[in-house]
Structures are given as C-alpha cells and as structure tokens.
Amino acid sequence: MKDTKHMTDMETEGQERGRTTGRGVLALGTVAAATPFMGTAWSEPTLLRLAYAYERASGVRRPPTYRAADVGF
C-alpha cells in the first residue's frame, strides 16, 4: 500500500519524473495502458500501419517527459 500511496502522491503533485518505489517498480506518475493489436503470422506490416493510424486518430499519446538520465540509465 505504501508504494500505491507514493504513486498516487506523484500523480496529484504532477511529478512526471521517474522514481523507484524500492520494490523493483518504476513509478512514472501516470498509469500505463495498452491496446493490443493482434494478427496472423507475418502480418506485422499491417499491424504496424493499423496501430500507427489508431495512435494518430485517437490523439491520446503523450510523449514521455523524462529522460534516460532521470531514471538512472
């Protein structure tokens, strides 16, 4: 619960910089979500076109605001 509270605090304080929670989890201040795109064997080019079209049309993607140096890389 302490880690969850820490992540919630980061969201409410608007901190986008990555921090470690001490339990092997990287808290970035936002909740990650994914939309899976699946297809048949060798359909990767079509899947990439569909996923890119969805990303552009939905307008929900936000580029990361952190740098590798912020998270210790």
PDB file of N, CA and C in Angstrom:
ATOM      1  N   MET A   1       0.817  -1.200   0.000  1.00  0.00           N
ATOM      2  CA  MET A   1       0.000   0.000   0.000  1.00  0.00           C
ATOM      3  C   MET A   1       0.858   1.260   0.000  1.00  0.00           C
ATOM      4  N   LYS A   2       2.026   1.181   0.637  1.00  0.00           N
ATOM      5  CA  LYS A   2       2.889   2.355   0.663  1.00  0.00           C
ATOM      6  C   LYS A   2       3.301   2.763  -0.752  1.00  0.00           C
ATOM      7  N   ASP A   3       3.626   1.761  -1.605  1.00  0.00           N
ATOM      8  CA  ASP A   3       4.017   2.057  -2.982  1.00  0.00           C
ATOM      9  C   ASP A   3       2.872   2.694  -3.752  1.00  0.00           C
ATOM     10  N   THR A   4       1.658   2.187  -3.538  1.00  0.00           N
ATOM     11  CA  THR A   4       0.490   2.752  -4.213  1.00  0.00           C
ATOM     12  C   THR A   4       0.278   4.185  -3.778  1.00  0.00           C
ATOM     13  N   LYS A   5       0.438   4.467  -2.487  1.00  0.00           N
ATOM     14  CA  LYS A   5       0.285   5.829  -1.987  1.00  0.00           C
ATOM     15  C   LYS A   5       1.333   6.734  -2.622  1.00  0.00           C
ATOM     16  N   HIS A   6       2.561   6.246  -2.731  1.00  0.00           N
ATOM     17  CA  HIS A   6       3.637   7.030  -3.341  1.00  0.00           C
ATOM     18  C   HIS A   6       3.287   7.374  -4.785  1.00  0.00           C
ATOM     19  N   MET A   7       2.769   6.403  -5.533  1.00  0.00           N
ATOM     20  CA  MET A   7       2.405   6.657  -6.922  1.00  0.00           C
ATOM     21  C   MET A   7       1.258   7.654  -7.003  1.00  0.00           C
ATOM     22  N   THR A   8       0.275   7.530  -6.102  1.00  0.00           N
ATOM     23  CA  THR A   8      -0.846   8.471  -6.085  1.00  0.00           C
ATOM     24  C   THR A   8      -0.353   9.868  -5.759  1.00  0.00           C
ATOM     25  N   ASP A   9       0.562   9.988  -4.793  1.00  0.00           N
ATOM     26  CA  ASP A   9       1.129  11.293  -4.445  1.00  0.00           C
ATOM     27  C   ASP A   9       1.829  11.910  -5.647  1.00  0.00           C
ATOM     28  N   MET A  10       2.553  11.094  -6.409  1.00  0.00           N
ATOM     29  CA  MET A  10       3.251  11.612  -7.579  1.00  0.00           C
ATOM     30  C   MET A  10       2.263  12.151  -8.607  1.00  0.00           C
ATOM     31  N   GLU A  11       1.123  11.451  -8.773  1.00  0.00           N
ATOM     32  CA  GLU A  11       0.129  11.901  -9.737  1.00  0.00           C
ATOM     33  C   GLU A  11      -0.503  13.215  -9.292  1.00  0.00           C
ATOM     34  N   THR A  12      -0.866  13.310  -8.012  1.00  0.00           N
ATOM     35  CA  THR A  12      -1.544  14.519  -7.549  1.00  0.00           C
ATOM     36  C   THR A  12      -0.602  15.710  -7.500  1.00  0.00           C
ATOM     37  N   GLU A  13       0.672  15.459  -7.287  1.00  0.00           N
ATOM     38  CA  GLU A  13       1.638  16.550  -7.261  1.00  0.00           C
ATOM     39  C   GLU A  13       2.116  16.909  -8.658  1.00  0.00           C
ATOM     40  N   GLY A  14       1.703  16.152  -9.665  1.00  0.00           N
ATOM     41  CA  GLY A  14       2.076  16.447 -11.041  1.00  0.00           C
ATOM     42  C   GLY A  14       3.524  16.138 -11.367  1.00  0.00           C
ATOM     43  N   GLN A  15       4.146  15.259 -10.608  1.00  0.00           N
ATOM     44  CA  GLN A  15       5.546  14.922 -10.862  1.00  0.00           C
ATOM     45  C   GLN A  15       5.618  13.868 -11.954  1.00  0.00           C
ATOM     46  N   GLU A  16       6.236  14.204 -13.051  1.00  0.00           N
ATOM     47  CA  GLU A  16       6.378  13.269 -14.158  1.00  0.00           C
ATOM     48  C   GLU A  16       7.734  12.577 -14.146  1.00  0.00           C
ATOM     49  N   ARG A  17       8.639  13.044 -13.323  1.00  0.00           N
ATOM     50  CA  ARG A  17       9.982  12.464 -13.293  1.00  0.00           C
ATOM     51  C   ARG A  17       9.928  11.069 -12.682  1.00  0.00           C
ATOM     52  N   GLY A  18      10.627  10.133 -13.281  1.00  0.00           N
ATOM     53  CA  GLY A  18      10.606   8.762 -12.803  1.00  0.00           C
ATOM     54  C   GLY A  18      11.303   8.610 -11.463  1.00  0.00           C
ATOM     55  N   ARG A  19      10.772   7.753 -10.638  1.00  0.00           N
ATOM     56  CA  ARG A  19      11.362   7.448  -9.330  1.00  0.00           C
ATOM     57  C   ARG A  19      11.154   5.964  -9.051  1.00  0.00           C
ATOM     58  N   THR A  20      12.042   5.376  -8.287  1.00  0.00           N
ATOM     59  CA  THR A  20      11.852   3.982  -7.910  1.00  0.00           C
ATOM     60  C   THR A  20      11.103   3.935  -6.598  1.00  0.00           C
ATOM     61  N   THR A  21      10.289   2.917  -6.444  1.00  0.00           N
ATOM     62  CA  THR A  21       9.486   2.776  -5.238  1.00  0.00           C
ATOM     63  C   THR A  21      10.176   1.924  -4.186  1.00  0.00           C
ATOM     64  N   GLY A  22      11.310   1.312  -4.534  1.00  0.00           N
ATOM     65  CA  GLY A  22      12.004   0.470  -3.571  1.00  0.00           C
ATOM     66  C   GLY A  22      11.603  -0.989  -3.667  1.00  0.00           C
ATOM     67  N   ARG A  23      10.687  -1.328  -4.530  1.00  0.00           N
ATOM     68  CA  ARG A  23      10.252  -2.714  -4.686  1.00  0.00           C
ATOM     69  C   ARG A  23      10.425  -3.200  -6.124  1.00  0.00           C
ATOM     70  N   GLY A  24      11.359  -2.619  -6.847  1.00  0.00           N
ATOM     71  CA  GLY A  24      11.589  -3.051  -8.207  1.00  0.00           C
ATOM     72  C   GLY A  24      10.577  -2.519  -9.205  1.00  0.00           C
ATOM     73  N   VAL A  25       9.798  -1.534  -8.790  1.00  0.00           N
ATOM     74  CA  VAL A  25       8.784  -0.946  -9.661  1.00  0.00           C
ATOM     75  C   VAL A  25       9.184   0.483  -9.960  1.00  0.00           C
ATOM     76  N   LEU A  26       9.046   0.879 -11.189  1.00  0.00           N
ATOM     77  CA  LEU A  26       9.357   2.249 -11.576  1.00  0.00           C
ATOM     78  C   LEU A  26       8.057   3.028 -11.673  1.00  0.00           C
ATOM     79  N   ALA A  27       7.874   4.002 -10.803  1.00  0.00           N
ATOM     80  CA  ALA A  27       6.668   4.825 -10.800  1.00  0.00           C
ATOM     81  C   ALA A  27       6.936   6.085 -11.600  1.00  0.00           C
ATOM     82  N   LEU A  28       6.188   6.286 -12.661  1.00  0.00           N
ATOM     83  CA  LEU A  28       6.397   7.440 -13.523  1.00  0.00           C
ATOM     84  C   LEU A  28       5.341   8.516 -13.327  1.00  0.00           C
ATOM     85  N   GLY A  29       4.420   8.320 -12.417  1.00  0.00           N
ATOM     86  CA  GLY A  29       3.423   9.343 -12.145  1.00  0.00           C
ATOM     87  C   GLY A  29       2.178   9.238 -12.995  1.00  0.00           C
ATOM     88  N   THR A  30       2.119   8.306 -13.906  1.00  0.00           N
ATOM     89  CA  THR A  30       0.925   8.087 -14.707  1.00  0.00           C
ATOM     90  C   THR A  30       0.668   6.598 -14.803  1.00  0.00           C
ATOM     91  N   VAL A  31      -0.528   6.239 -15.171  1.00  0.00           N
ATOM     92  CA  VAL A  31      -0.884   4.834 -15.314  1.00  0.00           C
ATOM     93  C   VAL A  31      -0.703   4.437 -16.773  1.00  0.00           C
ATOM     94  N   ALA A  32       0.038   3.393 -16.989  1.00  0.00           N
ATOM     95  CA  ALA A  32       0.252   2.915 -18.355  1.00  0.00           C
ATOM     96  C   ALA A  32      -0.926   2.053 -18.788  1.00  0.00           C
ATOM     97  N   ALA A  33      -1.296   2.163 -20.017  1.00  0.00           N
ATOM     98  CA  ALA A  33      -2.358   1.337 -20.581  1.00  0.00           C
ATOM     99  C   ALA A  33      -1.930   0.915 -21.973  1.00  0.00           C
ATOM    100  N   ALA A  34      -2.475  -0.185 -22.428  1.00  0.00           N
ATOM    101  CA  ALA A  34      -2.098  -0.686 -23.745  1.00  0.00           C
ATOM    102  C   ALA A  34      -3.334  -1.151 -24.502  1.00  0.00           C
ATOM    103  N   THR A  35      -3.278  -1.025 -25.792  1.00  0.00           N
ATOM    104  CA  THR A  35      -4.303  -1.560 -26.676  1.00  0.00           C
ATOM    105  C   THR A  35      -3.615  -2.587 -27.558  1.00  0.00           C
ATOM    106  N   PRO A  36      -3.920  -3.867 -27.347  1.00  0.00           N
ATOM    107  CA  PRO A  36      -3.233  -4.885 -28.145  1.00  0.00           C
ATOM    108  C   PRO A  36      -3.762  -4.938 -29.575  1.00  0.00           C
ATOM    109  N   PHE A  37      -2.864  -5.111 -30.508  1.00  0.00           N
ATOM    110  CA  PHE A  37      -3.209  -5.342 -31.907  1.00  0.00           C
ATOM    111  C   PHE A  37      -2.658  -6.713 -32.260  1.00  0.00           C
ATOM    112  N   MET A  38      -3.527  -7.624 -32.671  1.00  0.00           N
ATOM    113  CA  MET A  38      -3.103  -8.992 -32.968  1.00  0.00           C
ATOM    114  C   MET A  38      -3.448  -9.348 -34.407  1.00  0.00           C
ATOM    115  N   GLY A  39      -2.663 -10.231 -34.979  1.00  0.00           N
ATOM    116  CA  GLY A  39      -2.917 -10.663 -36.347  1.00  0.00           C
ATOM    117  C   GLY A  39      -2.337 -12.039 -36.591  1.00  0.00           C
ATOM    118  N   THR A  40      -2.385 -12.439 -37.822  1.00  0.00           N
ATOM    119  CA  THR A  40      -1.862 -13.746 -38.204  1.00  0.00           C
ATOM    120  C   THR A  40      -0.349 -13.657 -38.401  1.00  0.00           C
ATOM    121  N   ALA A  41       0.246 -14.813 -38.634  1.00  0.00           N
ATOM    122  CA  ALA A  41       1.692 -14.853 -38.869  1.00  0.00           C
ATOM    123  C   ALA A  41       2.065 -13.974 -40.054  1.00  0.00           C
ATOM    124  N   TRP A  42       3.149 -13.254 -39.930  1.00  0.00           N
ATOM    125  CA  TRP A  42       3.709 -12.393 -40.968  1.00  0.00           C
ATOM    126  C   TRP A  42       2.835 -11.177 -41.294  1.00  0.00           C
ATOM    127  N   SER A  43       1.932 -10.800 -40.392  1.00  0.00           N
ATOM    128  CA  SER A  43       1.068  -9.637 -40.659  1.00  0.00           C
ATOM    129  C   SER A  43       1.575  -8.375 -39.962  1.00  0.00           C
ATOM    130  N   GLU A  44       2.828  -8.381 -39.534  1.00  0.00           N
ATOM    131  CA  GLU A  44       3.382  -7.238 -38.813  1.00  0.00           C
ATOM    132  C   GLU A  44       3.273  -5.914 -39.561  1.00  0.00           C
ATOM    133  N   PRO A  45       3.558  -5.850 -40.870  1.00  0.00           N
ATOM    134  CA  PRO A  45       3.429  -4.559 -41.559  1.00  0.00           C
ATOM    135  C   PRO A  45       2.011  -3.980 -41.462  1.00  0.00           C
ATOM    136  N   THR A  46       1.010  -4.831 -41.609  1.00  0.00           N
ATOM    137  CA  THR A  46      -0.378  -4.371 -41.498  1.00  0.00           C
ATOM    138  C   THR A  46      -0.682  -3.930 -40.075  1.00  0.00           C
ATOM    139  N   LEU A  47      -0.217  -4.704 -39.097  1.00  0.00           N
ATOM    140  CA  LEU A  47      -0.456  -4.350 -37.696  1.00  0.00           C
ATOM    141  C   LEU A  47       0.186  -3.013 -37.347  1.00  0.00           C
ATOM    142  N   LEU A  48       1.400  -2.790 -37.816  1.00  0.00           N
ATOM    143  CA  LEU A  48       2.067  -1.516 -37.539  1.00  0.00           C
ATOM    144  C   LEU A  48       1.328  -0.348 -38.181  1.00  0.00           C
ATOM    145  N   ARG A  49       0.842  -0.539 -39.406  1.00  0.00           N
ATOM    146  CA  ARG A  49       0.062   0.531 -40.058  1.00  0.00           C
ATOM    147  C   ARG A  49      -1.212   0.820 -39.279  1.00  0.00           C
ATOM    148  N   LEU A  50      -1.920  -0.232 -38.838  1.00  0.00           N
ATOM    149  CA  LEU A  50      -3.157  -0.049 -38.075  1.00  0.00           C
ATOM    150  C   LEU A  50      -2.888   0.631 -36.737  1.00  0.00           C
ATOM    151  N   ALA A  51      -1.858   0.176 -36.044  1.00  0.00           N
ATOM    152  CA  ALA A  51      -1.536   0.763 -34.740  1.00  0.00           C
ATOM    153  C   ALA A  51      -1.131   2.227 -34.883  1.00  0.00           C
ATOM    154  N   TYR A  52      -0.352   2.537 -35.897  1.00  0.00           N
ATOM    155  CA  TYR A  52       0.068   3.925 -36.118  1.00  0.00           C
ATOM    156  C   TYR A  52      -1.134   4.794 -36.482  1.00  0.00           C
ATOM    157  N   ALA A  53      -2.033   4.279 -37.325  1.00  0.00           N
ATOM    158  CA  ALA A  53      -3.237   5.030 -37.694  1.00  0.00           C
ATOM    159  C   ALA A  53      -4.106   5.277 -36.464  1.00  0.00           C
ATOM    160  N   TYR A  54      -4.228   4.266 -35.595  1.00  0.00           N
ATOM    161  CA  TYR A  54      -5.006   4.433 -34.363  1.00  0.00           C
ATOM    162  C   TYR A  54      -4.373   5.503 -33.475  1.00  0.00           C
ATOM    163  N   GLU A  55      -3.061   5.438 -33.319  1.00  0.00           N
ATOM    164  CA  GLU A  55      -2.355   6.414 -32.485  1.00  0.00           C
ATOM    165  C   GLU A  55      -2.593   7.834 -32.990  1.00  0.00           C
ATOM    166  N   ARG A  56      -2.490   8.031 -34.285  1.00  0.00           N
ATOM    167  CA  ARG A  56      -2.677   9.368 -34.866  1.00  0.00           C
ATOM    168  C   ARG A  56      -4.128   9.832 -34.744  1.00  0.00           C
ATOM    169  N   ALA A  57      -5.086   8.934 -34.999  1.00  0.00           N
ATOM    170  CA  ALA A  57      -6.504   9.309 -34.985  1.00  0.00           C
ATOM    171  C   ALA A  57      -7.029   9.550 -33.576  1.00  0.00           C
ATOM    172  N   SER A  58      -6.533   8.782 -32.599  1.00  0.00           N
ATOM    173  CA  SER A  58      -7.056   8.904 -31.234  1.00  0.00           C
ATOM    174  C   SER A  58      -6.546  10.156 -30.530  1.00  0.00           C
ATOM    175  N   GLY A  59      -5.330  10.556 -30.831  1.00  0.00           N
ATOM    176  CA  GLY A  59      -4.763  11.739 -30.189  1.00  0.00           C
ATOM    177  C   GLY A  59      -4.497  11.578 -28.705  1.00  0.00           C
ATOM    178  N   VAL A  60      -4.439  10.342 -28.212  1.00  0.00           N
ATOM    179  CA  VAL A  60      -4.243  10.126 -26.780  1.00  0.00           C
ATOM    180  C   VAL A  60      -2.786   9.942 -26.380  1.00  0.00           C
ATOM    181  N   ARG A  61      -1.897   9.733 -27.330  1.00  0.00           N
ATOM    182  CA  ARG A  61      -0.492   9.517 -26.978  1.00  0.00           C
ATOM    183  C   ARG A  61       0.141  10.813 -26.509  1.00  0.00           C
ATOM    184  N   ARG A  62       0.833  10.695 -25.372  1.00  0.00           N
ATOM    185  CA  ARG A  62       1.634  11.808 -24.864  1.00  0.00           C
ATOM    186  C   ARG A  62       3.084  11.349 -24.828  1.00  0.00           C
ATOM    187  N   PRO A  63       3.975  12.057 -25.488  1.00  0.00           N
ATOM    188  CA  PRO A  63       5.382  11.662 -25.447  1.00  0.00           C
ATOM    189  C   PRO A  63       5.904  11.707 -24.009  1.00  0.00           C
ATOM    190  N   PRO A  64       6.824  10.825 -23.662  1.00  0.00           N
ATOM    191  CA  PRO A  64       7.378  10.844 -22.310  1.00  0.00           C
ATOM    192  C   PRO A  64       8.064  12.173 -22.018  1.00  0.00           C
ATOM    193  N   THR A  65       7.965  12.591 -20.763  1.00  0.00           N
ATOM    194  CA  THR A  65       8.587  13.852 -20.361  1.00  0.00           C
ATOM    195  C   THR A  65       9.868  13.620 -19.576  1.00  0.00           C
ATOM    196  N   TYR A  66      10.294  12.376 -19.454  1.00  0.00           N
ATOM    197  CA  TYR A  66      11.513  12.069 -18.719  1.00  0.00           C
ATOM    198  C   TYR A  66      12.611  11.678 -19.696  1.00  0.00           C
ATOM    199  N   ARG A  67      13.831  11.726 -19.207  1.00  0.00           N
ATOM    200  CA  ARG A  67      14.989  11.305 -19.989  1.00  0.00           C
ATOM    201  C   ARG A  67      15.607  10.092 -19.330  1.00  0.00           C
ATOM    202  N   ALA A  68      16.425   9.381 -20.060  1.00  0.00           N
ATOM    203  CA  ALA A  68      17.079   8.196 -19.502  1.00  0.00           C
ATOM    204  C   ALA A  68      17.880   8.560 -18.258  1.00  0.00           C
ATOM    205  N   ALA A  69      18.484   9.736 -18.225  1.00  0.00           N
ATOM    206  CA  ALA A  69      19.269  10.152 -17.061  1.00  0.00           C
ATOM    207  C   ALA A  69      18.387  10.318 -15.827  1.00  0.00           C
ATOM    208  N   ASP A  70      17.109  10.621 -16.014  1.00  0.00           N
ATOM    209  CA  ASP A  70      16.196  10.804 -14.888  1.00  0.00           C
ATOM    210  C   ASP A  70      15.899   9.501 -14.163  1.00  0.00           C
ATOM    211  N   VAL A  71      15.995   8.372 -14.853  1.00  0.00           N
ATOM    212  CA  VAL A  71      15.664   7.093 -14.247  1.00  0.00           C
ATOM    213  C   VAL A  71      16.888   6.214 -14.012  1.00  0.00           C
ATOM    214  N   GLY A  72      18.063   6.794 -14.118  1.00  0.00           N
ATOM    215  CA  GLY A  72      19.279   6.087 -13.742  1.00  0.00           C
ATOM    216  C   GLY A  72      19.931   5.272 -14.838  1.00  0.00           C
ATOM    217  N   PHE A  73      19.647   5.521 -16.081  1.00  0.00           N
ATOM    218  CA  PHE A  73      20.305   4.788 -17.171  1.00  0.00           C
ATOM    219  C   PHE A  73      21.465   5.572 -17.694  1.00  0.00           C
TER     220      PHE A  73
END
